[in-house]
Structure formats: C-alpha cells, structure tokens
C-alpha cells in the first residue's frame, strides 16, 4: 500500500467451481485486479479452496468514498460484474460490502504478487 491511510474499503466475494478456479483467478487478475492496482491505495485478494468450489475475495483500499466512486463512475455500493463473470462464477454476487478500516498490525500485505 501507499503511505496514505485508507478510510474505506469495498469487499467483493465470488465463488467458482474448483476445476475452473485457476483459470478464473488469472482472468480476474487481468480484468479486475490490475485496474484496481492502478487506482486504489492498495488491493488484497484472497482465495479459499473448498470441496468442489473456490471462493475469491477482493479488497481494495481507498482514500475516501469520493475516490472509490470515481473509479466505478457510479455509486460505489453498486455491484460491478466483469464481462466474463457469468461464465466463471457459480452465481453473480448481488452486493459488495463497504467497510471502514479501524486497526492494522504487522505486515498485512504479505503474500504472493
């Protein structure tokens, strides 16, 4: 993350069939994560593999609601689907979660690039 402190984050969750998880992860990174990296203060992505499916969580960190809204060009609480989302996801998410960071301890950004 940059040196600025985020005041808001927008958490998105989606599930795909386990056999398509690697393919979806690569697509999501290219089509969804890279644009966020260029605009947000920071982005974390998570993946949980389960029997038969994988869940992905994307959490971009924003300076404020206005910068988050400028990225989406609309209401930042509105859901935005990637063009091929319906091809990969078990169901299209109906909502995102807006969270306000409170405390962070240690190197929370550790992981693969």
Protein backbone atom coordinates (compact mmCIF):
# COMPACT_ATOMS: atom_id res chain seq x y z
CA UNK A 1 0.00 0.00 0.00
CA UNK A 2 0.99 3.60 -0.37
CA UNK A 3 1.83 5.70 2.67
CA UNK A 4 -1.70 7.12 2.82
CA UNK A 5 -4.21 5.67 5.26
CA UNK A 6 -7.36 4.25 3.70
CA UNK A 7 -10.67 5.31 5.21
CA UNK A 8 -12.86 2.87 3.30
CA UNK A 9 -12.74 -0.47 1.53
CA UNK A 10 -15.10 -2.32 -0.77
CA UNK A 11 -15.08 -6.10 -0.26
CA UNK A 12 -16.31 -8.30 -3.11
CA UNK A 13 -16.88 -12.07 -2.91
CA UNK A 14 -17.45 -14.63 -5.65
CA UNK A 15 -17.39 -18.42 -5.97
CA UNK A 16 -16.38 -20.60 -8.89
CA UNK A 17 -16.21 -24.34 -9.48
CA UNK A 18 -12.93 -25.75 -8.20
CA UNK A 19 -11.88 -27.06 -11.63
CA UNK A 20 -12.11 -23.52 -13.06
CA UNK A 21 -10.55 -21.71 -10.10
CA UNK A 22 -7.05 -21.30 -11.55
CA UNK A 23 -8.44 -20.06 -14.88
CA UNK A 24 -10.78 -17.65 -13.13
CA UNK A 25 -8.03 -16.39 -10.85
CA UNK A 26 -5.86 -15.49 -13.87
CA UNK A 27 -8.79 -13.82 -15.65
CA UNK A 28 -9.86 -11.91 -12.53
CA UNK A 29 -6.31 -10.65 -12.01
CA UNK A 30 -6.05 -9.33 -15.57
CA UNK A 31 -9.56 -7.90 -15.94
CA UNK A 32 -10.40 -6.90 -12.39
CA UNK A 33 -7.36 -6.57 -10.15
CA UNK A 34 -4.90 -4.76 -12.43
CA UNK A 35 -7.21 -1.76 -12.89
CA UNK A 36 -7.65 -1.58 -9.12
CA UNK A 37 -3.89 -1.67 -8.54
CA UNK A 38 -3.54 1.44 -10.69
CA UNK A 39 -6.18 3.45 -8.79
CA UNK A 40 -6.63 2.18 -5.23
CA UNK A 41 -4.23 2.78 -2.33
CA UNK A 42 -3.80 -0.99 -2.16
CA UNK A 43 -5.55 -4.24 -3.03
CA UNK A 44 -5.63 -7.59 -1.31
CA UNK A 45 -7.02 -10.74 -2.88
CA UNK A 46 -7.89 -13.95 -1.10
CA UNK A 47 -8.78 -17.46 -2.24
CA UNK A 48 -10.23 -20.33 -0.25
CA UNK A 49 -10.35 -23.74 -1.95
CA UNK A 50 -13.16 -26.00 -0.75
CA UNK A 51 -14.61 -29.29 -1.92
CA UNK A 52 -15.97 -28.55 -5.38
CA UNK A 53 -15.59 -24.76 -5.30
CA UNK A 54 -13.26 -21.87 -4.58
CA UNK A 55 -14.22 -18.53 -3.06
CA UNK A 56 -12.43 -15.35 -4.05
CA UNK A 57 -12.44 -12.13 -2.04
CA UNK A 58 -11.12 -8.83 -3.40
CA UNK A 59 -10.49 -5.95 -1.01
CA UNK A 60 -9.30 -2.65 -2.47
CA UNK A 61 -8.43 0.16 -0.04
CA UNK A 62 -9.46 3.73 -0.85
CA UNK A 63 -8.57 7.19 0.44
CA UNK A 64 -12.26 8.13 0.69
CA UNK A 65 -15.70 7.43 -0.74
CA UNK A 66 -15.17 10.00 -3.49
CA UNK A 67 -12.06 8.26 -4.86
CA UNK A 68 -13.84 4.91 -4.73
CA UNK A 69 -16.84 6.39 -6.56
CA UNK A 70 -14.57 8.00 -9.18
CA UNK A 71 -13.13 4.57 -10.01
CA UNK A 72 -16.56 2.98 -10.52
CA UNK A 73 -18.05 6.06 -12.25
CA UNK A 74 -21.20 5.49 -10.19
CA UNK A 75 -22.48 4.53 -6.76
CA UNK A 76 -19.58 2.58 -5.22
CA UNK A 77 -22.02 0.29 -3.41
CA UNK A 78 -23.47 -0.90 -6.73
CA UNK A 79 -22.25 -4.30 -7.89
CA UNK A 80 -19.98 -4.38 -10.94
CA UNK A 81 -19.52 -7.64 -12.86
CA UNK A 82 -16.59 -8.41 -15.11
CA UNK A 83 -17.56 -9.20 -18.72
CA UNK A 84 -16.90 -12.94 -18.31
CA UNK A 85 -18.12 -13.19 -14.72
CA UNK A 86 -21.23 -15.24 -15.56
CA UNK A 87 -19.05 -17.74 -17.44
CA UNK A 88 -16.95 -18.49 -14.35
CA UNK A 89 -18.98 -17.74 -11.25
CA UNK A 90 -21.47 -20.14 -9.68
CA UNK A 91 -23.76 -17.15 -9.15
CA UNK A 92 -23.23 -13.46 -9.76
CA UNK A 93 -22.83 -11.61 -6.47
CA UNK A 94 -25.70 -9.26 -5.68
CA UNK A 95 -23.84 -6.91 -3.34
CA UNK A 96 -20.49 -5.67 -2.11
CA UNK A 97 -19.56 -4.92 1.47
CA UNK A 98 -18.37 -1.43 2.39
CA UNK A 99 -16.05 -1.47 5.42
CA UNK A 100 -14.16 1.19 7.33
CA UNK A 101 -10.68 0.02 8.45
CA UNK A 102 -10.02 0.54 12.14
CA UNK A 103 -6.74 -1.13 13.16
CA UNK A 104 -3.90 -2.80 11.32
CA UNK A 105 -0.99 -4.55 12.97
CA UNK A 106 2.07 -6.10 11.36
CA UNK A 107 2.66 -6.75 7.67
CA UNK A 108 -0.88 -7.37 6.45
CA UNK A 109 0.26 -7.15 2.83
CA UNK A 110 2.34 -10.34 2.88
CA UNK A 111 1.60 -12.90 0.19
CA UNK A 112 2.13 -13.66 -3.47
CA UNK A 113 2.29 -10.86 -6.02
